N, C-alpha and C. Protein backbone atom coordinates (compact mmCIF):
# COMPACT_ATOMS: atom_id res chain seq x y z
N UNK A 1 -8.60 24.48 7.63
CA UNK A 1 -7.28 23.88 7.63
C UNK A 1 -6.49 24.32 8.87
N UNK A 2 -6.68 25.59 9.23
CA UNK A 2 -5.96 26.10 10.41
C UNK A 2 -6.42 25.39 11.67
N UNK A 3 -7.72 25.14 11.79
CA UNK A 3 -8.24 24.46 12.97
C UNK A 3 -7.72 23.03 13.07
N UNK A 4 -7.63 22.36 11.93
CA UNK A 4 -7.11 21.00 11.91
C UNK A 4 -5.64 21.01 12.33
N UNK A 5 -4.88 21.94 11.80
CA UNK A 5 -3.46 22.04 12.16
C UNK A 5 -3.29 22.32 13.65
N UNK A 6 -4.13 23.20 14.19
CA UNK A 6 -4.04 23.51 15.61
C UNK A 6 -4.40 22.30 16.46
N UNK A 7 -5.41 21.56 16.03
CA UNK A 7 -5.82 20.35 16.77
C UNK A 7 -4.71 19.30 16.73
N UNK A 8 -4.08 19.14 15.58
CA UNK A 8 -2.98 18.17 15.47
C UNK A 8 -1.81 18.59 16.34
N UNK A 9 -1.51 19.88 16.37
CA UNK A 9 -0.41 20.38 17.21
C UNK A 9 -0.72 20.13 18.68
N UNK A 10 -1.95 20.37 19.08
CA UNK A 10 -2.34 20.13 20.47
C UNK A 10 -2.22 18.65 20.81
N UNK A 11 -2.59 17.79 19.87
CA UNK A 11 -2.49 16.35 20.11
C UNK A 11 -1.03 15.92 20.26
N UNK A 12 -0.15 16.45 19.44
CA UNK A 12 1.27 16.12 19.54
C UNK A 12 1.82 16.58 20.89
N UNK A 13 1.45 17.77 21.31
CA UNK A 13 1.92 18.29 22.61
C UNK A 13 1.39 17.42 23.75
N UNK A 14 0.14 17.02 23.67
CA UNK A 14 -0.44 16.17 24.72
C UNK A 14 0.27 14.83 24.79
N UNK A 15 0.54 14.23 23.64
CA UNK A 15 1.27 12.95 23.63
C UNK A 15 2.66 13.11 24.22
N UNK A 16 3.33 14.20 23.89
CA UNK A 16 4.68 14.43 24.42
C UNK A 16 4.65 14.57 25.94
N UNK A 17 3.68 15.34 26.46
CA UNK A 17 3.57 15.49 27.91
C UNK A 17 3.27 14.16 28.59
N UNK A 18 2.38 13.38 27.98
CA UNK A 18 2.03 12.08 28.56
C UNK A 18 3.24 11.17 28.58
N UNK A 19 3.99 11.14 27.48
CA UNK A 19 5.18 10.28 27.44
C UNK A 19 6.21 10.73 28.48
N UNK A 20 6.38 12.02 28.64
CA UNK A 20 7.33 12.53 29.63
C UNK A 20 6.94 12.09 31.03
N UNK A 21 5.66 12.16 31.34
CA UNK A 21 5.19 11.73 32.66
C UNK A 21 5.45 10.24 32.89
N UNK A 22 5.23 9.44 31.86
CA UNK A 22 5.48 8.00 31.97
C UNK A 22 6.97 7.74 32.16
N UNK A 23 7.80 8.40 31.36
CA UNK A 23 9.25 8.18 31.44
C UNK A 23 9.82 8.54 32.81
N UNK A 24 9.25 9.53 33.45
CA UNK A 24 9.76 9.97 34.76
C UNK A 24 9.63 8.90 35.83
N UNK A 25 8.66 8.00 35.70
CA UNK A 25 8.45 6.99 36.74
C UNK A 25 9.12 5.65 36.41
N UNK A 26 9.72 5.52 35.24
CA UNK A 26 10.34 4.26 34.85
C UNK A 26 11.75 4.14 35.41
N UNK A 27 12.12 2.92 35.76
CA UNK A 27 13.50 2.64 36.15
C UNK A 27 14.35 2.62 34.88
N UNK A 28 15.68 2.69 35.01
CA UNK A 28 16.52 2.63 33.81
C UNK A 28 16.28 1.37 32.97
N UNK A 29 16.07 0.23 33.60
CA UNK A 29 15.81 -1.00 32.85
C UNK A 29 14.47 -0.92 32.12
N UNK A 30 13.46 -0.37 32.81
CA UNK A 30 12.16 -0.21 32.17
C UNK A 30 12.22 0.79 31.03
N UNK A 31 13.01 1.83 31.21
CA UNK A 31 13.16 2.83 30.15
C UNK A 31 13.80 2.22 28.91
N UNK A 32 14.79 1.35 29.12
CA UNK A 32 15.42 0.68 27.99
C UNK A 32 14.42 -0.24 27.28
N UNK A 33 13.61 -0.95 28.05
CA UNK A 33 12.58 -1.80 27.46
C UNK A 33 11.58 -0.95 26.68
N UNK A 34 11.22 0.19 27.23
CA UNK A 34 10.31 1.12 26.56
C UNK A 34 10.89 1.57 25.22
N UNK A 35 12.16 1.93 25.22
CA UNK A 35 12.82 2.35 23.97
C UNK A 35 12.88 1.22 22.95
N UNK A 36 13.20 0.03 23.43
CA UNK A 36 13.26 -1.13 22.53
C UNK A 36 11.91 -1.42 21.90
N UNK A 37 10.86 -1.35 22.72
CA UNK A 37 9.51 -1.60 22.20
C UNK A 37 9.10 -0.55 21.19
N UNK A 38 9.44 0.70 21.48
CA UNK A 38 9.12 1.78 20.54
C UNK A 38 9.86 1.59 19.22
N UNK A 39 11.13 1.23 19.27
CA UNK A 39 11.91 0.98 18.06
C UNK A 39 11.33 -0.17 17.26
N UNK A 40 10.95 -1.23 17.94
CA UNK A 40 10.34 -2.37 17.26
C UNK A 40 9.01 -1.98 16.62
N UNK A 41 8.22 -1.17 17.30
CA UNK A 41 6.94 -0.73 16.76
C UNK A 41 7.15 0.10 15.50
N UNK A 42 8.16 0.97 15.51
CA UNK A 42 8.46 1.78 14.30
C UNK A 42 8.87 0.90 13.14
N UNK A 43 9.70 -0.10 13.42
CA UNK A 43 10.11 -1.02 12.35
C UNK A 43 8.91 -1.77 11.78
N UNK A 44 8.03 -2.22 12.67
CA UNK A 44 6.84 -2.94 12.22
C UNK A 44 5.94 -2.04 11.38
N UNK A 45 5.81 -0.77 11.78
CA UNK A 45 4.99 0.17 11.00
C UNK A 45 5.58 0.38 9.62
N UNK A 46 6.91 0.55 9.55
CA UNK A 46 7.57 0.73 8.24
C UNK A 46 7.35 -0.48 7.36
N UNK A 47 7.52 -1.66 7.93
CA UNK A 47 7.33 -2.88 7.16
C UNK A 47 5.88 -3.02 6.70
N UNK A 48 4.96 -2.70 7.58
CA UNK A 48 3.54 -2.79 7.23
C UNK A 48 3.20 -1.81 6.11
N UNK A 49 3.74 -0.58 6.20
CA UNK A 49 3.49 0.39 5.13
C UNK A 49 4.07 -0.10 3.81
N UNK A 50 5.26 -0.69 3.87
CA UNK A 50 5.90 -1.20 2.66
C UNK A 50 5.07 -2.33 2.05
N UNK A 51 4.57 -3.22 2.88
CA UNK A 51 3.76 -4.33 2.38
C UNK A 51 2.40 -3.85 1.88
N UNK A 52 1.81 -2.87 2.56
CA UNK A 52 0.51 -2.37 2.16
C UNK A 52 0.56 -1.48 0.93
N UNK A 53 1.74 -0.98 0.59
CA UNK A 53 1.81 -0.11 -0.58
C UNK A 53 1.44 -0.86 -1.85
N UNK A 54 1.54 -2.18 -1.85
CA UNK A 54 1.14 -2.97 -3.01
C UNK A 54 -0.35 -3.23 -3.06
N UNK A 55 -1.07 -2.90 -2.00
CA UNK A 55 -2.51 -3.14 -1.96
C UNK A 55 -3.32 -1.95 -2.42
N UNK A 56 -2.65 -0.91 -2.88
CA UNK A 56 -3.34 0.28 -3.36
C UNK A 56 -3.84 0.02 -4.77
N UNK A 57 -5.15 0.02 -5.01
CA UNK A 57 -5.66 -0.28 -6.34
C UNK A 57 -5.24 0.75 -7.39
N UNK A 58 -4.86 1.94 -6.97
CA UNK A 58 -4.41 2.95 -7.93
C UNK A 58 -2.96 2.72 -8.35
N UNK A 59 -2.22 1.94 -7.58
CA UNK A 59 -0.80 1.70 -7.89
C UNK A 59 -0.51 0.20 -7.77
N UNK A 60 -1.00 -0.60 -8.70
CA UNK A 60 -0.80 -2.05 -8.60
C UNK A 60 0.66 -2.43 -8.79
N UNK A 61 1.02 -3.57 -8.23
CA UNK A 61 2.36 -4.10 -8.42
C UNK A 61 3.44 -3.41 -7.63
N UNK A 62 3.09 -2.60 -6.65
CA UNK A 62 4.09 -1.89 -5.88
C UNK A 62 4.68 -2.76 -4.78
N UNK A 63 4.02 -3.85 -4.46
CA UNK A 63 4.49 -4.73 -3.40
C UNK A 63 5.63 -5.59 -3.95
N UNK A 64 6.79 -5.55 -3.31
CA UNK A 64 7.96 -6.30 -3.78
C UNK A 64 7.67 -7.80 -3.82
N UNK A 65 6.78 -8.27 -2.96
CA UNK A 65 6.49 -9.69 -2.94
C UNK A 65 5.65 -10.11 -4.13
N UNK A 66 4.95 -9.17 -4.77
CA UNK A 66 4.14 -9.48 -5.95
C UNK A 66 5.00 -9.65 -7.19
N UNK A 67 6.18 -9.08 -7.21
CA UNK A 67 7.04 -9.11 -8.38
C UNK A 67 8.42 -9.58 -7.95
N UNK A 68 8.73 -10.86 -8.14
CA UNK A 68 10.02 -11.38 -7.66
C UNK A 68 11.22 -10.64 -8.22
N UNK A 69 11.11 -10.03 -9.41
CA UNK A 69 12.24 -9.28 -9.96
C UNK A 69 12.58 -8.07 -9.11
N UNK A 70 11.62 -7.54 -8.39
CA UNK A 70 11.88 -6.38 -7.54
C UNK A 70 12.68 -6.77 -6.31
N UNK A 71 12.63 -8.05 -5.90
CA UNK A 71 13.36 -8.48 -4.72
C UNK A 71 14.86 -8.43 -4.96
N UNK A 72 15.29 -8.76 -6.16
CA UNK A 72 16.71 -8.70 -6.51
C UNK A 72 16.84 -8.23 -7.95
N UNK A 73 16.73 -6.94 -8.19
CA UNK A 73 16.75 -6.45 -9.56
C UNK A 73 18.09 -6.64 -10.26
N UNK A 74 19.16 -6.89 -9.49
CA UNK A 74 20.49 -7.05 -10.09
C UNK A 74 20.87 -8.50 -10.31
N UNK A 75 19.93 -9.41 -10.13
CA UNK A 75 20.22 -10.83 -10.34
C UNK A 75 20.52 -11.09 -11.82
N UNK A 76 21.37 -12.08 -12.13
CA UNK A 76 21.63 -12.41 -13.52
C UNK A 76 20.33 -12.75 -14.25
N UNK A 77 20.32 -12.53 -15.55
CA UNK A 77 19.09 -12.69 -16.33
C UNK A 77 18.51 -14.09 -16.22
N UNK A 78 19.37 -15.12 -16.13
CA UNK A 78 18.84 -16.48 -16.06
C UNK A 78 18.16 -16.77 -14.72
N UNK A 79 18.39 -15.92 -13.72
CA UNK A 79 17.74 -16.12 -12.43
C UNK A 79 16.44 -15.32 -12.31
N UNK A 80 16.21 -14.43 -13.24
CA UNK A 80 15.00 -13.62 -13.21
C UNK A 80 13.89 -14.32 -13.96
N UNK A 81 12.68 -14.07 -13.55
CA UNK A 81 11.54 -14.60 -14.28
C UNK A 81 11.35 -13.87 -15.60
N UNK A 82 11.61 -12.58 -15.62
CA UNK A 82 11.46 -11.75 -16.80
C UNK A 82 12.80 -11.05 -17.05
N UNK A 83 13.62 -11.56 -17.96
CA UNK A 83 14.97 -11.02 -18.11
C UNK A 83 15.04 -9.61 -18.65
N UNK A 84 14.09 -9.16 -19.45
CA UNK A 84 14.19 -7.80 -19.97
C UNK A 84 13.51 -6.83 -19.01
N UNK A 85 13.92 -5.58 -18.98
CA UNK A 85 13.30 -4.61 -18.08
C UNK A 85 11.84 -4.37 -18.46
N UNK A 86 11.06 -4.02 -17.48
CA UNK A 86 9.65 -3.74 -17.70
C UNK A 86 9.48 -2.36 -18.34
N UNK A 87 8.52 -2.25 -19.22
CA UNK A 87 8.17 -0.95 -19.77
C UNK A 87 7.33 -0.22 -18.74
N UNK A 88 7.18 1.10 -18.87
CA UNK A 88 6.33 1.83 -17.92
C UNK A 88 4.91 1.27 -17.86
N UNK A 89 4.36 0.89 -19.00
CA UNK A 89 3.01 0.33 -19.01
C UNK A 89 2.97 -0.98 -18.23
N UNK A 90 3.98 -1.82 -18.42
CA UNK A 90 4.03 -3.09 -17.71
C UNK A 90 4.16 -2.87 -16.20
N UNK A 91 4.96 -1.87 -15.81
CA UNK A 91 5.09 -1.56 -14.39
C UNK A 91 3.75 -1.11 -13.81
N UNK A 92 2.99 -0.30 -14.56
CA UNK A 92 1.69 0.14 -14.08
C UNK A 92 0.73 -1.03 -13.93
N UNK A 93 0.89 -2.04 -14.75
CA UNK A 93 0.00 -3.20 -14.70
C UNK A 93 0.46 -4.22 -13.65
N UNK A 94 1.46 -3.90 -12.91
CA UNK A 94 1.91 -4.80 -11.85
C UNK A 94 2.94 -5.79 -12.30
N UNK A 95 3.66 -5.51 -13.38
CA UNK A 95 4.73 -6.37 -13.84
C UNK A 95 4.27 -7.49 -14.75
N UNK A 96 3.02 -7.49 -15.12
CA UNK A 96 2.53 -8.55 -16.01
C UNK A 96 2.85 -8.18 -17.45
N UNK A 97 3.34 -9.15 -18.18
CA UNK A 97 3.64 -8.93 -19.60
C UNK A 97 2.55 -9.55 -20.45
N UNK A 98 2.15 -8.83 -21.43
CA UNK A 98 1.14 -9.33 -22.35
C UNK A 98 1.81 -9.53 -23.71
N UNK A 99 1.67 -10.73 -24.32
CA UNK A 99 2.32 -10.96 -25.62
C UNK A 99 1.72 -10.13 -26.72
């Protein structure tokens, strides 16, 4: 575990040094573009993680797009597909109700 931690720390340091070297040669306009691209990449990663969280077979139904009630949990009951709250078992099954 210690070796893995040391390797990860070395990788982080190497990435930081590489980024610093790149930033030193960029013009202010290029630096702003670099920052914008990095911010957009982080947003895309967050969104991708959020969407992929529903694809975990151990945790079904976690994707908000799979369960429309999760998109707007405070919507009036007549606008929801399932007006009563889900039980823990139903949530584990991905929001499916069994009669």
